[in-house]
């Protein structure tokens, strides 16, 4: 996975992973968004089995975050697939491009889809 992210990010330097807290997914829906703008937090199209999953940050030599990873299984992957949201189609991407999300405050997070809906109700 590190080689794939390095390629996509055009990194020449070594990247390394730093484990952080687990994420608990209750609804099976995962959202990646700026935590200050949950209204932009549309869940990814594919659901996951509810549970607790380890999250790692991909850091460069200056400890800047280059990416984040949720590990759903310790088994060897058989393929990599980009997470997409409704309306996003990988075939429409230009070479070496990926889907992302706005980070107006410079922050990003993973969240359970049901938690995002509850946060929207509070604001």
PDB file of N, CA and C in Angstrom:
ATOM      1  N   UNK A   1       0.829  -1.193   0.000  1.00  0.00           N
ATOM      2  CA  UNK A   1       0.000   0.000   0.000  1.00  0.00           C
ATOM      3  C   UNK A   1       0.869   1.250   0.000  1.00  0.00           C
ATOM      4  N   UNK A   2       1.982   1.206   0.738  1.00  0.00           N
ATOM      5  CA  UNK A   2       2.865   2.368   0.789  1.00  0.00           C
ATOM      6  C   UNK A   2       3.387   2.721  -0.599  1.00  0.00           C
ATOM      7  N   UNK A   3       3.746   1.709  -1.393  1.00  0.00           N
ATOM      8  CA  UNK A   3       4.249   1.976  -2.742  1.00  0.00           C
ATOM      9  C   UNK A   3       3.179   2.631  -3.604  1.00  0.00           C
ATOM     10  N   UNK A   4       1.927   2.162  -3.484  1.00  0.00           N
ATOM     11  CA  UNK A   4       0.835   2.746  -4.249  1.00  0.00           C
ATOM     12  C   UNK A   4       0.631   4.207  -3.858  1.00  0.00           C
ATOM     13  N   UNK A   5       0.568   4.488  -2.562  1.00  0.00           N
ATOM     14  CA  UNK A   5       0.373   5.871  -2.124  1.00  0.00           C
ATOM     15  C   UNK A   5       1.559   6.747  -2.513  1.00  0.00           C
ATOM     16  N   UNK A   6       2.761   6.213  -2.416  1.00  0.00           N
ATOM     17  CA  UNK A   6       3.942   6.981  -2.832  1.00  0.00           C
ATOM     18  C   UNK A   6       3.848   7.368  -4.297  1.00  0.00           C
ATOM     19  N   UNK A   7       3.419   6.426  -5.128  1.00  0.00           N
ATOM     20  CA  UNK A   7       3.256   6.706  -6.550  1.00  0.00           C
ATOM     21  C   UNK A   7       2.198   7.781  -6.774  1.00  0.00           C
ATOM     22  N   UNK A   8       1.045   7.616  -6.136  1.00  0.00           N
ATOM     23  CA  UNK A   8      -0.043   8.570  -6.328  1.00  0.00           C
ATOM     24  C   UNK A   8       0.325   9.963  -5.831  1.00  0.00           C
ATOM     25  N   UNK A   9       1.119  10.029  -4.774  1.00  0.00           N
ATOM     26  CA  UNK A   9       1.500  11.315  -4.192  1.00  0.00           C
ATOM     27  C   UNK A   9       2.809  11.846  -4.764  1.00  0.00           C
ATOM     28  N   UNK A  10       3.402  11.118  -5.690  1.00  0.00           N
ATOM     29  CA  UNK A  10       4.661  11.520  -6.326  1.00  0.00           C
ATOM     30  C   UNK A  10       5.762  11.727  -5.283  1.00  0.00           C
ATOM     31  N   UNK A  11       5.774  10.886  -4.271  1.00  0.00           N
ATOM     32  CA  UNK A  11       6.771  11.014  -3.210  1.00  0.00           C
ATOM     33  C   UNK A  11       8.052  10.296  -3.616  1.00  0.00           C
ATOM     34  N   UNK A  12       9.157  10.961  -3.481  1.00  0.00           N
ATOM     35  CA  UNK A  12      10.451  10.351  -3.740  1.00  0.00           C
ATOM     36  C   UNK A  12      11.080   9.884  -2.429  1.00  0.00           C
ATOM     37  N   UNK A  13      10.686  10.504  -1.336  1.00  0.00           N
ATOM     38  CA  UNK A  13      11.240  10.170  -0.035  1.00  0.00           C
ATOM     39  C   UNK A  13      10.486   8.999   0.574  1.00  0.00           C
ATOM     40  N   UNK A  14      11.080   8.390   1.563  1.00  0.00           N
ATOM     41  CA  UNK A  14      10.417   7.294   2.255  1.00  0.00           C
ATOM     42  C   UNK A  14       9.253   7.807   3.082  1.00  0.00           C
ATOM     43  N   UNK A  15       8.190   7.069   3.052  1.00  0.00           N
ATOM     44  CA  UNK A  15       7.022   7.341   3.873  1.00  0.00           C
ATOM     45  C   UNK A  15       6.943   6.249   4.924  1.00  0.00           C
ATOM     46  N   UNK A  16       6.345   6.562   6.052  1.00  0.00           N
ATOM     47  CA  UNK A  16       6.182   5.537   7.083  1.00  0.00           C
ATOM     48  C   UNK A  16       4.813   5.679   7.739  1.00  0.00           C
ATOM     49  N   UNK A  17       4.364   4.575   8.310  1.00  0.00           N
ATOM     50  CA  UNK A  17       3.059   4.542   8.961  1.00  0.00           C
ATOM     51  C   UNK A  17       3.196   4.777  10.459  1.00  0.00           C
ATOM     52  N   UNK A  18       2.219   5.497  11.010  1.00  0.00           N
ATOM     53  CA  UNK A  18       2.112   5.690  12.452  1.00  0.00           C
ATOM     54  C   UNK A  18       0.703   5.282  12.847  1.00  0.00           C
ATOM     55  N   UNK A  19       0.584   4.269  13.689  1.00  0.00           N
ATOM     56  CA  UNK A  19      -0.739   3.837  14.152  1.00  0.00           C
ATOM     57  C   UNK A  19      -1.323   4.889  15.081  1.00  0.00           C
ATOM     58  N   UNK A  20      -2.627   5.120  14.931  1.00  0.00           N
ATOM     59  CA  UNK A  20      -3.336   6.005  15.848  1.00  0.00           C
ATOM     60  C   UNK A  20      -4.507   5.210  16.419  1.00  0.00           C
ATOM     61  N   UNK A  21      -5.526   5.847  16.887  1.00  0.00           N
ATOM     62  CA  UNK A  21      -6.661   5.158  17.506  1.00  0.00           C
ATOM     63  C   UNK A  21      -7.454   4.337  16.488  1.00  0.00           C
ATOM     64  N   UNK A  22      -8.188   3.362  16.997  1.00  0.00           N
ATOM     65  CA  UNK A  22      -9.123   2.609  16.153  1.00  0.00           C
ATOM     66  C   UNK A  22     -10.356   3.456  15.881  1.00  0.00           C
ATOM     67  N   UNK A  23     -11.015   3.164  14.779  1.00  0.00           N
ATOM     68  CA  UNK A  23     -12.301   3.774  14.480  1.00  0.00           C
ATOM     69  C   UNK A  23     -13.366   2.696  14.684  1.00  0.00           C
ATOM     70  N   UNK A  24     -14.451   3.066  15.333  1.00  0.00           N
ATOM     71  CA  UNK A  24     -15.561   2.151  15.523  1.00  0.00           C
ATOM     72  C   UNK A  24     -16.647   2.507  14.522  1.00  0.00           C
ATOM     73  N   UNK A  25     -16.980   1.547  13.698  1.00  0.00           N
ATOM     74  CA  UNK A  25     -18.010   1.730  12.678  1.00  0.00           C
ATOM     75  C   UNK A  25     -19.247   0.953  13.134  1.00  0.00           C
ATOM     76  N   UNK A  26     -20.321   1.684  13.387  1.00  0.00           N
ATOM     77  CA  UNK A  26     -21.559   1.075  13.866  1.00  0.00           C
ATOM     78  C   UNK A  26     -22.521   0.820  12.713  1.00  0.00           C
ATOM     79  N   UNK A  27     -22.637   1.793  11.814  1.00  0.00           N
ATOM     80  CA  UNK A  27     -23.626   1.722  10.737  1.00  0.00           C
ATOM     81  C   UNK A  27     -23.149   0.928   9.526  1.00  0.00           C
ATOM     82  N   UNK A  28     -21.841   0.743   9.393  1.00  0.00           N
ATOM     83  CA  UNK A  28     -21.287   0.127   8.196  1.00  0.00           C
ATOM     84  C   UNK A  28     -20.919   1.145   7.138  1.00  0.00           C
ATOM     85  N   UNK A  29     -21.317   2.414   7.353  1.00  0.00           N
ATOM     86  CA  UNK A  29     -21.004   3.505   6.414  1.00  0.00           C
ATOM     87  C   UNK A  29     -19.800   4.285   6.924  1.00  0.00           C
ATOM     88  N   UNK A  30     -18.881   4.581   6.021  1.00  0.00           N
ATOM     89  CA  UNK A  30     -17.702   5.366   6.387  1.00  0.00           C
ATOM     90  C   UNK A  30     -17.712   6.674   5.617  1.00  0.00           C
ATOM     91  N   UNK A  31     -17.367   7.737   6.329  1.00  0.00           N
ATOM     92  CA  UNK A  31     -17.274   9.072   5.756  1.00  0.00           C
ATOM     93  C   UNK A  31     -15.844   9.564   5.954  1.00  0.00           C
ATOM     94  N   UNK A  32     -15.307  10.243   4.962  1.00  0.00           N
ATOM     95  CA  UNK A  32     -14.050  10.980   5.095  1.00  0.00           C
ATOM     96  C   UNK A  32     -14.388  12.433   4.787  1.00  0.00           C
ATOM     97  N   UNK A  33     -14.096  13.327   5.735  1.00  0.00           N
ATOM     98  CA  UNK A  33     -14.475  14.723   5.536  1.00  0.00           C
ATOM     99  C   UNK A  33     -13.669  15.635   6.450  1.00  0.00           C
ATOM    100  N   UNK A  34     -13.809  16.920   6.236  1.00  0.00           N
ATOM    101  CA  UNK A  34     -13.280  17.930   7.138  1.00  0.00           C
ATOM    102  C   UNK A  34     -14.201  17.915   8.361  1.00  0.00           C
ATOM    103  N   UNK A  35     -13.675  17.707   9.571  1.00  0.00           N
ATOM    104  CA  UNK A  35     -14.542  17.598  10.745  1.00  0.00           C
ATOM    105  C   UNK A  35     -15.287  18.884  11.100  1.00  0.00           C
ATOM    106  N   UNK A  36     -14.918  19.987  10.494  1.00  0.00           N
ATOM    107  CA  UNK A  36     -15.641  21.241  10.726  1.00  0.00           C
ATOM    108  C   UNK A  36     -16.749  21.466   9.703  1.00  0.00           C
ATOM    109  N   UNK A  37     -16.851  20.589   8.710  1.00  0.00           N
ATOM    110  CA  UNK A  37     -17.856  20.717   7.667  1.00  0.00           C
ATOM    111  C   UNK A  37     -18.497  19.358   7.399  1.00  0.00           C
ATOM    112  N   UNK A  38     -19.168  18.803   8.411  1.00  0.00           N
ATOM    113  CA  UNK A  38     -19.765  17.482   8.281  1.00  0.00           C
ATOM    114  C   UNK A  38     -20.825  17.424   7.192  1.00  0.00           C
ATOM    115  N   UNK A  39     -21.403  18.578   6.831  1.00  0.00           N
ATOM    116  CA  UNK A  39     -22.453  18.551   5.805  1.00  0.00           C
ATOM    117  C   UNK A  39     -21.905  18.086   4.450  1.00  0.00           C
ATOM    118  N   UNK A  40     -20.605  18.135   4.284  1.00  0.00           N
ATOM    119  CA  UNK A  40     -19.983  17.641   3.056  1.00  0.00           C
ATOM    120  C   UNK A  40     -19.611  16.165   3.185  1.00  0.00           C
ATOM    121  N   UNK A  41     -20.019  15.538   4.282  1.00  0.00           N
ATOM    122  CA  UNK A  41     -19.610  14.181   4.594  1.00  0.00           C
ATOM    123  C   UNK A  41     -20.518  13.106   4.047  1.00  0.00           C
ATOM    124  N   UNK A  42     -20.504  12.918   2.750  1.00  0.00           N
ATOM    125  CA  UNK A  42     -21.264  11.839   2.120  1.00  0.00           C
ATOM    126  C   UNK A  42     -20.492  10.531   2.314  1.00  0.00           C
ATOM    127  N   UNK A  43     -21.200   9.488   2.685  1.00  0.00           N
ATOM    128  CA  UNK A  43     -20.560   8.192   2.922  1.00  0.00           C
ATOM    129  C   UNK A  43     -20.063   7.577   1.616  1.00  0.00           C
ATOM    130  N   UNK A  44     -19.021   6.773   1.729  1.00  0.00           N
ATOM    131  CA  UNK A  44     -18.529   6.011   0.582  1.00  0.00           C
ATOM    132  C   UNK A  44     -19.601   5.017   0.148  1.00  0.00           C
ATOM    133  N   UNK A  45     -19.557   4.630  -1.117  1.00  0.00           N
ATOM    134  CA  UNK A  45     -20.580   3.747  -1.676  1.00  0.00           C
ATOM    135  C   UNK A  45     -20.572   2.350  -1.054  1.00  0.00           C
ATOM    136  N   UNK A  46     -19.393   1.824  -0.787  1.00  0.00           N
ATOM    137  CA  UNK A  46     -19.313   0.460  -0.240  1.00  0.00           C
ATOM    138  C   UNK A  46     -19.378   0.505   1.276  1.00  0.00           C
ATOM    139  N   UNK A  47     -20.170  -0.386   1.825  1.00  0.00           N
ATOM    140  CA  UNK A  47     -20.278  -0.521   3.271  1.00  0.00           C
ATOM    141  C   UNK A  47     -19.259  -1.535   3.775  1.00  0.00           C
ATOM    142  N   UNK A  48     -18.970  -1.461   5.067  1.00  0.00           N
ATOM    143  CA  UNK A  48     -18.082  -2.412   5.710  1.00  0.00           C
ATOM    144  C   UNK A  48     -18.840  -3.091   6.848  1.00  0.00           C
ATOM    145  N   UNK A  49     -18.306  -4.186   7.300  1.00  0.00           N
ATOM    146  CA  UNK A  49     -18.885  -4.878   8.448  1.00  0.00           C
ATOM    147  C   UNK A  49     -18.705  -3.983   9.682  1.00  0.00           C
ATOM    148  N   UNK A  50     -19.761  -3.719  10.453  1.00  0.00           N
ATOM    149  CA  UNK A  50     -19.583  -2.936  11.675  1.00  0.00           C
ATOM    150  C   UNK A  50     -18.516  -3.571  12.574  1.00  0.00           C
ATOM    151  N   UNK A  51     -17.736  -2.715  13.221  1.00  0.00           N
ATOM    152  CA  UNK A  51     -16.666  -3.193  14.094  1.00  0.00           C
ATOM    153  C   UNK A  51     -15.673  -2.094  14.377  1.00  0.00           C
ATOM    154  N   UNK A  52     -14.574  -2.468  15.004  1.00  0.00           N
ATOM    155  CA  UNK A  52     -13.496  -1.542  15.344  1.00  0.00           C
ATOM    156  C   UNK A  52     -12.293  -1.864  14.459  1.00  0.00           C
ATOM    157  N   UNK A  53     -11.760  -0.840  13.803  1.00  0.00           N
ATOM    158  CA  UNK A  53     -10.672  -1.029  12.847  1.00  0.00           C
ATOM    159  C   UNK A  53      -9.511  -0.083  13.149  1.00  0.00           C
ATOM    160  N   UNK A  54      -8.266  -0.578  13.004  1.00  0.00           N
ATOM    161  CA  UNK A  54      -7.109   0.294  13.232  1.00  0.00           C
ATOM    162  C   UNK A  54      -6.951   1.342  12.127  1.00  0.00           C
ATOM    163  N   UNK A  55      -6.540   2.524  12.539  1.00  0.00           N
ATOM    164  CA  UNK A  55      -6.275   3.622  11.615  1.00  0.00           C
ATOM    165  C   UNK A  55      -4.794   3.978  11.714  1.00  0.00           C
ATOM    166  N   UNK A  56      -4.174   4.188  10.564  1.00  0.00           N
ATOM    167  CA  UNK A  56      -2.771   4.591  10.506  1.00  0.00           C
ATOM    168  C   UNK A  56      -2.645   5.832   9.652  1.00  0.00           C
ATOM    169  N   UNK A  57      -1.681   6.659  10.004  1.00  0.00           N
ATOM    170  CA  UNK A  57      -1.343   7.827   9.187  1.00  0.00           C
ATOM    171  C   UNK A  57      -0.103   7.498   8.383  1.00  0.00           C
ATOM    172  N   UNK A  58      -0.032   7.974   7.179  1.00  0.00           N
ATOM    173  CA  UNK A  58       1.153   7.850   6.339  1.00  0.00           C
ATOM    174  C   UNK A  58       1.864   9.192   6.414  1.00  0.00           C
ATOM    175  N   UNK A  59       3.073   9.179   6.976  1.00  0.00           N
ATOM    176  CA  UNK A  59       3.819  10.410   7.236  1.00  0.00           C
ATOM    177  C   UNK A  59       5.075  10.470   6.388  1.00  0.00           C
ATOM    178  N   UNK A  60       5.500  11.701   6.079  1.00  0.00           N
ATOM    179  CA  UNK A  60       6.763  11.869   5.377  1.00  0.00           C
ATOM    180  C   UNK A  60       7.868  12.126   6.405  1.00  0.00           C
ATOM    181  N   UNK A  61       9.077  12.385   5.929  1.00  0.00           N
ATOM    182  CA  UNK A  61      10.217  12.537   6.847  1.00  0.00           C
ATOM    183  C   UNK A  61      10.085  13.757   7.763  1.00  0.00           C
ATOM    184  N   UNK A  62       9.200  14.708   7.410  1.00  0.00           N
ATOM    185  CA  UNK A  62       8.973  15.881   8.257  1.00  0.00           C
ATOM    186  C   UNK A  62       7.713  15.729   9.104  1.00  0.00           C
ATOM    187  N   UNK A  63       7.184  14.510   9.158  1.00  0.00           N
ATOM    188  CA  UNK A  63       5.971  14.188   9.917  1.00  0.00           C
ATOM    189  C   UNK A  63       4.723  14.891   9.394  1.00  0.00           C
ATOM    190  N   UNK A  64       4.717  15.262   8.136  1.00  0.00           N
ATOM    191  CA  UNK A  64       3.504  15.781   7.507  1.00  0.00           C
ATOM    192  C   UNK A  64       2.665  14.604   7.045  1.00  0.00           C
ATOM    193  N   UNK A  65       1.359  14.715   7.204  1.00  0.00           N
ATOM    194  CA  UNK A  65       0.468  13.615   6.832  1.00  0.00           C
ATOM    195  C   UNK A  65       0.278  13.592   5.319  1.00  0.00           C
ATOM    196  N   UNK A  66       0.594  12.455   4.723  1.00  0.00           N
ATOM    197  CA  UNK A  66       0.426  12.274   3.285  1.00  0.00           C
ATOM    198  C   UNK A  66      -0.827  11.472   2.973  1.00  0.00           C
ATOM    199  N   UNK A  67      -1.350  10.766   3.955  1.00  0.00           N
ATOM    200  CA  UNK A  67      -2.543   9.958   3.750  1.00  0.00           C
ATOM    201  C   UNK A  67      -2.939   9.262   5.032  1.00  0.00           C
ATOM    202  N   UNK A  68      -4.076   8.600   4.990  1.00  0.00           N
ATOM    203  CA  UNK A  68      -4.561   7.842   6.137  1.00  0.00           C
ATOM    204  C   UNK A  68      -5.136   6.529   5.630  1.00  0.00           C
ATOM    205  N   UNK A  69      -5.100   5.530   6.478  1.00  0.00           N
ATOM    206  CA  UNK A  69      -5.480   4.185   6.078  1.00  0.00           C
ATOM    207  C   UNK A  69      -6.276   3.532   7.196  1.00  0.00           C
ATOM    208  N   UNK A  70      -7.424   2.965   6.845  1.00  0.00           N
ATOM    209  CA  UNK A  70      -8.166   2.103   7.762  1.00  0.00           C
ATOM    210  C   UNK A  70      -7.876   0.670   7.330  1.00  0.00           C
ATOM    211  N   UNK A  71      -7.452  -0.174   8.260  1.00  0.00           N
ATOM    212  CA  UNK A  71      -7.158  -1.574   7.945  1.00  0.00           C
ATOM    213  C   UNK A  71      -8.361  -2.427   8.312  1.00  0.00           C
ATOM    214  N   UNK A  72      -8.968  -3.036   7.315  1.00  0.00           N
ATOM    215  CA  UNK A  72     -10.168  -3.850   7.519  1.00  0.00           C
ATOM    216  C   UNK A  72      -9.854  -5.316   7.718  1.00  0.00           C
ATOM    217  N   UNK A  73      -8.656  -5.746   7.338  1.00  0.00           N
ATOM    218  CA  UNK A  73      -8.280  -7.147   7.456  1.00  0.00           C
ATOM    219  C   UNK A  73      -6.765  -7.250   7.500  1.00  0.00           C
ATOM    220  N   UNK A  74      -6.271  -8.282   8.154  1.00  0.00           N
ATOM    221  CA  UNK A  74      -4.827  -8.522   8.179  1.00  0.00           C
ATOM    222  C   UNK A  74      -4.415  -9.512   7.091  1.00  0.00           C
ATOM    223  N   UNK A  75      -5.390 -10.011   6.341  1.00  0.00           N
ATOM    224  CA  UNK A  75      -5.080 -10.930   5.250  1.00  0.00           C
ATOM    225  C   UNK A  75      -4.430 -10.174   4.096  1.00  0.00           C
ATOM    226  N   UNK A  76      -3.647 -10.883   3.310  1.00  0.00           N
ATOM    227  CA  UNK A  76      -2.990 -10.278   2.157  1.00  0.00           C
ATOM    228  C   UNK A  76      -4.053  -9.797   1.171  1.00  0.00           C
ATOM    229  N   UNK A  77      -3.969  -8.531   0.726  1.00  0.00           N
ATOM    230  CA  UNK A  77      -4.968  -8.032  -0.225  1.00  0.00           C
ATOM    231  C   UNK A  77      -4.880  -8.748  -1.563  1.00  0.00           C
ATOM    232  N   UNK A  78      -6.028  -8.914  -2.201  1.00  0.00           N
ATOM    233  CA  UNK A  78      -6.066  -9.505  -3.533  1.00  0.00           C
ATOM    234  C   UNK A  78      -6.204  -8.418  -4.601  1.00  0.00           C
ATOM    235  N   UNK A  79      -6.640  -7.209  -4.187  1.00  0.00           N
ATOM    236  CA  UNK A  79      -6.711  -6.068  -5.099  1.00  0.00           C
ATOM    237  C   UNK A  79      -6.873  -4.802  -4.266  1.00  0.00           C
ATOM    238  N   UNK A  80      -6.559  -3.680  -4.872  1.00  0.00           N
ATOM    239  CA  UNK A  80      -6.799  -2.382  -4.262  1.00  0.00           C
ATOM    240  C   UNK A  80      -7.895  -1.702  -5.060  1.00  0.00           C
ATOM    241  N   UNK A  81      -8.785  -1.042  -4.369  1.00  0.00           N
ATOM    242  CA  UNK A  81      -9.899  -0.374  -5.008  1.00  0.00           C
ATOM    243  C   UNK A  81     -10.092   0.989  -4.349  1.00  0.00           C
ATOM    244  N   UNK A  82     -10.180   2.030  -5.147  1.00  0.00           N
ATOM    245  CA  UNK A  82     -10.372   3.369  -4.602  1.00  0.00           C
ATOM    246  C   UNK A  82     -11.784   3.508  -4.047  1.00  0.00           C
ATOM    247  N   UNK A  83     -11.884   4.051  -2.862  1.00  0.00           N
ATOM    248  CA  UNK A  83     -13.204   4.321  -2.276  1.00  0.00           C
ATOM    249  C   UNK A  83     -13.832   5.492  -3.034  1.00  0.00           C
ATOM    250  N   UNK A  84     -15.083   5.324  -3.415  1.00  0.00           N
ATOM    251  CA  UNK A  84     -15.790   6.381  -4.145  1.00  0.00           C
ATOM    252  C   UNK A  84     -17.108   6.698  -3.464  1.00  0.00           C
ATOM    253  N   UNK A  85     -17.579   7.892  -3.721  1.00  0.00           N
ATOM    254  CA  UNK A  85     -18.867   8.350  -3.216  1.00  0.00           C
ATOM    255  C   UNK A  85     -19.858   8.340  -4.378  1.00  0.00           C
ATOM    256  N   UNK A  86     -21.158   8.389  -4.083  1.00  0.00           N
ATOM    257  CA  UNK A  86     -22.141   8.411  -5.172  1.00  0.00           C
ATOM    258  C   UNK A  86     -21.815   9.512  -6.189  1.00  0.00           C
ATOM    259  N   UNK A  87     -21.859   9.161  -7.459  1.00  0.00           N
ATOM    260  CA  UNK A  87     -21.573  10.113  -8.532  1.00  0.00           C
ATOM    261  C   UNK A  87     -20.113  10.150  -8.959  1.00  0.00           C
ATOM    262  N   UNK A  88     -19.216   9.528  -8.196  1.00  0.00           N
ATOM    263  CA  UNK A  88     -17.806   9.482  -8.576  1.00  0.00           C
ATOM    264  C   UNK A  88     -17.553   8.203  -9.374  1.00  0.00           C
ATOM    265  N   UNK A  89     -16.902   8.355 -10.513  1.00  0.00           N
ATOM    266  CA  UNK A  89     -16.616   7.210 -11.384  1.00  0.00           C
ATOM    267  C   UNK A  89     -15.133   7.219 -11.719  1.00  0.00           C
ATOM    268  N   UNK A  90     -14.450   6.175 -11.336  1.00  0.00           N
ATOM    269  CA  UNK A  90     -12.999   6.087 -11.528  1.00  0.00           C
ATOM    270  C   UNK A  90     -12.623   6.262 -12.994  1.00  0.00           C
ATOM    271  N   UNK A  91     -13.445   5.776 -13.904  1.00  0.00           N
ATOM    272  CA  UNK A  91     -13.132   5.884 -15.339  1.00  0.00           C
ATOM    273  C   UNK A  91     -13.075   7.343 -15.802  1.00  0.00           C
ATOM    274  N   UNK A  92     -13.648   8.262 -15.039  1.00  0.00           N
ATOM    275  CA  UNK A  92     -13.634   9.681 -15.414  1.00  0.00           C
ATOM    276  C   UNK A  92     -12.397  10.426 -14.922  1.00  0.00           C
ATOM    277  N   UNK A  93     -11.563   9.769 -14.121  1.00  0.00           N
ATOM    278  CA  UNK A  93     -10.364  10.421 -13.604  1.00  0.00           C
ATOM    279  C   UNK A  93      -9.272  10.484 -14.668  1.00  0.00           C
ATOM    280  N   UNK A  94      -8.523  11.571 -14.663  1.00  0.00           N
ATOM    281  CA  UNK A  94      -7.358  11.671 -15.527  1.00  0.00           C
ATOM    282  C   UNK A  94      -6.224  10.850 -14.927  1.00  0.00           C
ATOM    283  N   UNK A  95      -5.227  10.548 -15.718  1.00  0.00           N
ATOM    284  CA  UNK A  95      -4.097   9.734 -15.288  1.00  0.00           C
ATOM    285  C   UNK A  95      -3.475  10.303 -14.005  1.00  0.00           C
ATOM    286  N   UNK A  96      -3.174   9.416 -13.064  1.00  0.00           N
ATOM    287  CA  UNK A  96      -2.538   9.737 -11.778  1.00  0.00           C
ATOM    288  C   UNK A  96      -3.390  10.634 -10.882  1.00  0.00           C
ATOM    289  N   UNK A  97      -4.684  10.702 -11.109  1.00  0.00           N
ATOM    290  CA  UNK A  97      -5.563  11.507 -10.262  1.00  0.00           C
ATOM    291  C   UNK A  97      -6.337  10.592  -9.314  1.00  0.00           C
ATOM    292  N   UNK A  98      -6.766  11.157  -8.192  1.00  0.00           N
ATOM    293  CA  UNK A  98      -7.571  10.426  -7.222  1.00  0.00           C
ATOM    294  C   UNK A  98      -8.718  11.315  -6.767  1.00  0.00           C
ATOM    295  N   UNK A  99      -9.742  10.716  -6.180  1.00  0.00           N
ATOM    296  CA  UNK A  99     -10.801  11.495  -5.557  1.00  0.00           C
ATOM    297  C   UNK A  99     -10.353  11.864  -4.151  1.00  0.00           C
ATOM    298  N   UNK A 100     -10.787  12.998  -3.693  1.00  0.00           N
ATOM    299  CA  UNK A 100     -10.489  13.442  -2.344  1.00  0.00           C
ATOM    300  C   UNK A 100     -11.674  14.215  -1.813  1.00  0.00           C
ATOM    301  N   UNK A 101     -11.434  15.022  -0.834  1.00  0.00           N
ATOM    302  CA  UNK A 101     -12.492  15.876  -0.306  1.00  0.00           C
ATOM    303  C   UNK A 101     -11.878  17.193   0.148  1.00  0.00           C
ATOM    304  N   UNK A 102     -12.684  18.269   0.187  1.00  0.00           N
ATOM    305  CA  UNK A 102     -12.149  19.565   0.601  1.00  0.00           C
ATOM    306  C   UNK A 102     -11.716  19.538   2.063  1.00  0.00           C
ATOM    307  N   UNK A 103     -10.633  20.211   2.345  1.00  0.00           N
ATOM    308  CA  UNK A 103     -10.154  20.350   3.723  1.00  0.00           C
ATOM    309  C   UNK A 103      -9.935  21.837   3.995  1.00  0.00           C
ATOM    310  N   UNK A 104     -11.033  22.557   4.073  1.00  0.00           N
ATOM    311  CA  UNK A 104     -10.973  24.007   4.233  1.00  0.00           C
ATOM    312  C   UNK A 104     -10.186  24.449   5.462  1.00  0.00           C
ATOM    313  N   UNK A 105     -10.208  23.645   6.524  1.00  0.00           N
ATOM    314  CA  UNK A 105      -9.496  24.017   7.746  1.00  0.00           C
ATOM    315  C   UNK A 105      -8.148  23.308   7.858  1.00  0.00           C
ATOM    316  N   UNK A 106      -7.798  22.523   6.858  1.00  0.00           N
ATOM    317  CA  UNK A 106      -6.562  21.760   6.911  1.00  0.00           C
ATOM    318  C   UNK A 106      -6.695  20.500   7.744  1.00  0.00           C
ATOM    319  N   UNK A 107      -7.918  20.119   8.076  1.00  0.00           N
ATOM    320  CA  UNK A 107      -8.183  18.929   8.878  1.00  0.00           C
ATOM    321  C   UNK A 107      -8.956  17.904   8.066  1.00  0.00           C
ATOM    322  N   UNK A 108      -8.815  16.651   8.446  1.00  0.00           N
ATOM    323  CA  UNK A 108      -9.552  15.583   7.798  1.00  0.00           C
ATOM    324  C   UNK A 108      -9.803  14.492   8.824  1.00  0.00           C
ATOM    325  N   UNK A 109     -10.875  13.745   8.620  1.00  0.00           N
ATOM    326  CA  UNK A 109     -11.162  12.650   9.543  1.00  0.00           C
ATOM    327  C   UNK A 109     -11.948  11.559   8.838  1.00  0.00           C
ATOM    328  N   UNK A 110     -11.903  10.374   9.433  1.00  0.00           N
ATOM    329  CA  UNK A 110     -12.825   9.298   9.100  1.00  0.00           C
ATOM    330  C   UNK A 110     -13.889   9.322  10.173  1.00  0.00           C
ATOM    331  N   UNK A 111     -15.113   8.978   9.816  1.00  0.00           N
ATOM    332  CA  UNK A 111     -16.193   8.914  10.799  1.00  0.00           C
ATOM    333  C   UNK A 111     -17.220   7.892  10.357  1.00  0.00           C
ATOM    334  N   UNK A 112     -17.985   7.406  11.319  1.00  0.00           N
ATOM    335  CA  UNK A 112     -19.119   6.544  11.023  1.00  0.00           C
ATOM    336  C   UNK A 112     -20.212   7.404  10.413  1.00  0.00           C
ATOM    337  N   UNK A 113     -20.869   6.907   9.378  1.00  0.00           N
ATOM    338  CA  UNK A 113     -21.911   7.670   8.699  1.00  0.00           C
ATOM    339  C   UNK A 113     -23.038   8.094   9.611  1.00  0.00           C
ATOM    340  N   UNK A 114     -23.430   7.244  10.566  1.00  0.00           N
ATOM    341  CA  UNK A 114     -24.510   7.613  11.484  1.00  0.00           C
ATOM    342  C   UNK A 114     -24.060   8.712  12.444  1.00  0.00           C
ATOM    343  N   UNK A 115     -22.791   8.726  12.808  1.00  0.00           N
ATOM    344  CA  UNK A 115     -22.277   9.785  13.686  1.00  0.00           C
ATOM    345  C   UNK A 115     -22.289  11.132  12.969  1.00  0.00           C
ATOM    346  N   UNK A 116     -21.978  11.121  11.682  1.00  0.00           N
ATOM    347  CA  UNK A 116     -21.999  12.364  10.902  1.00  0.00           C
ATOM    348  C   UNK A 116     -23.420  12.923  10.844  1.00  0.00           C
ATOM    349  N   UNK A 117     -24.399  12.047  10.647  1.00  0.00           N
ATOM    350  CA  UNK A 117     -25.800  12.512  10.619  1.00  0.00           C
ATOM    351  C   UNK A 117     -26.187  13.129  11.960  1.00  0.00           C
ATOM    352  N   UNK A 118     -25.752  12.545  13.060  1.00  0.00           N
ATOM    353  CA  UNK A 118     -26.057  13.099  14.392  1.00  0.00           C
ATOM    354  C   UNK A 118     -25.366  14.460  14.579  1.00  0.00           C
ATOM    355  N   UNK A 119     -24.125  14.582  14.093  1.00  0.00           N
ATOM    356  CA  UNK A 119     -23.407  15.866  14.193  1.00  0.00           C
ATOM    357  C   UNK A 119     -24.135  16.948  13.396  1.00  0.00           C
ATOM    358  N   UNK A 120     -24.647  16.581  12.218  1.00  0.00           N
ATOM    359  CA  UNK A 120     -25.386  17.542  11.405  1.00  0.00           C
ATOM    360  C   UNK A 120     -26.621  18.048  12.147  1.00  0.00           C
ATOM    361  N   UNK A 121     -27.281  17.161  12.896  1.00  0.00           N
ATOM    362  CA  UNK A 121     -28.460  17.553  13.660  1.00  0.00           C
ATOM    363  C   UNK A 121     -28.101  18.557  14.755  1.00  0.00           C
ATOM    364  N   UNK A 122     -26.910  18.443  15.322  1.00  0.00           N
ATOM    365  CA  UNK A 122     -26.489  19.334  16.403  1.00  0.00           C
ATOM    366  C   UNK A 122     -26.130  20.728  15.910  1.00  0.00           C
ATOM    367  N   UNK A 123     -25.745  20.851  14.662  1.00  0.00           N
ATOM    368  CA  UNK A 123     -25.289  22.152  14.144  1.00  0.00           C
ATOM    369  C   UNK A 123     -26.294  22.752  13.253  1.00  0.00           C
TER     370      UNK A 123
END
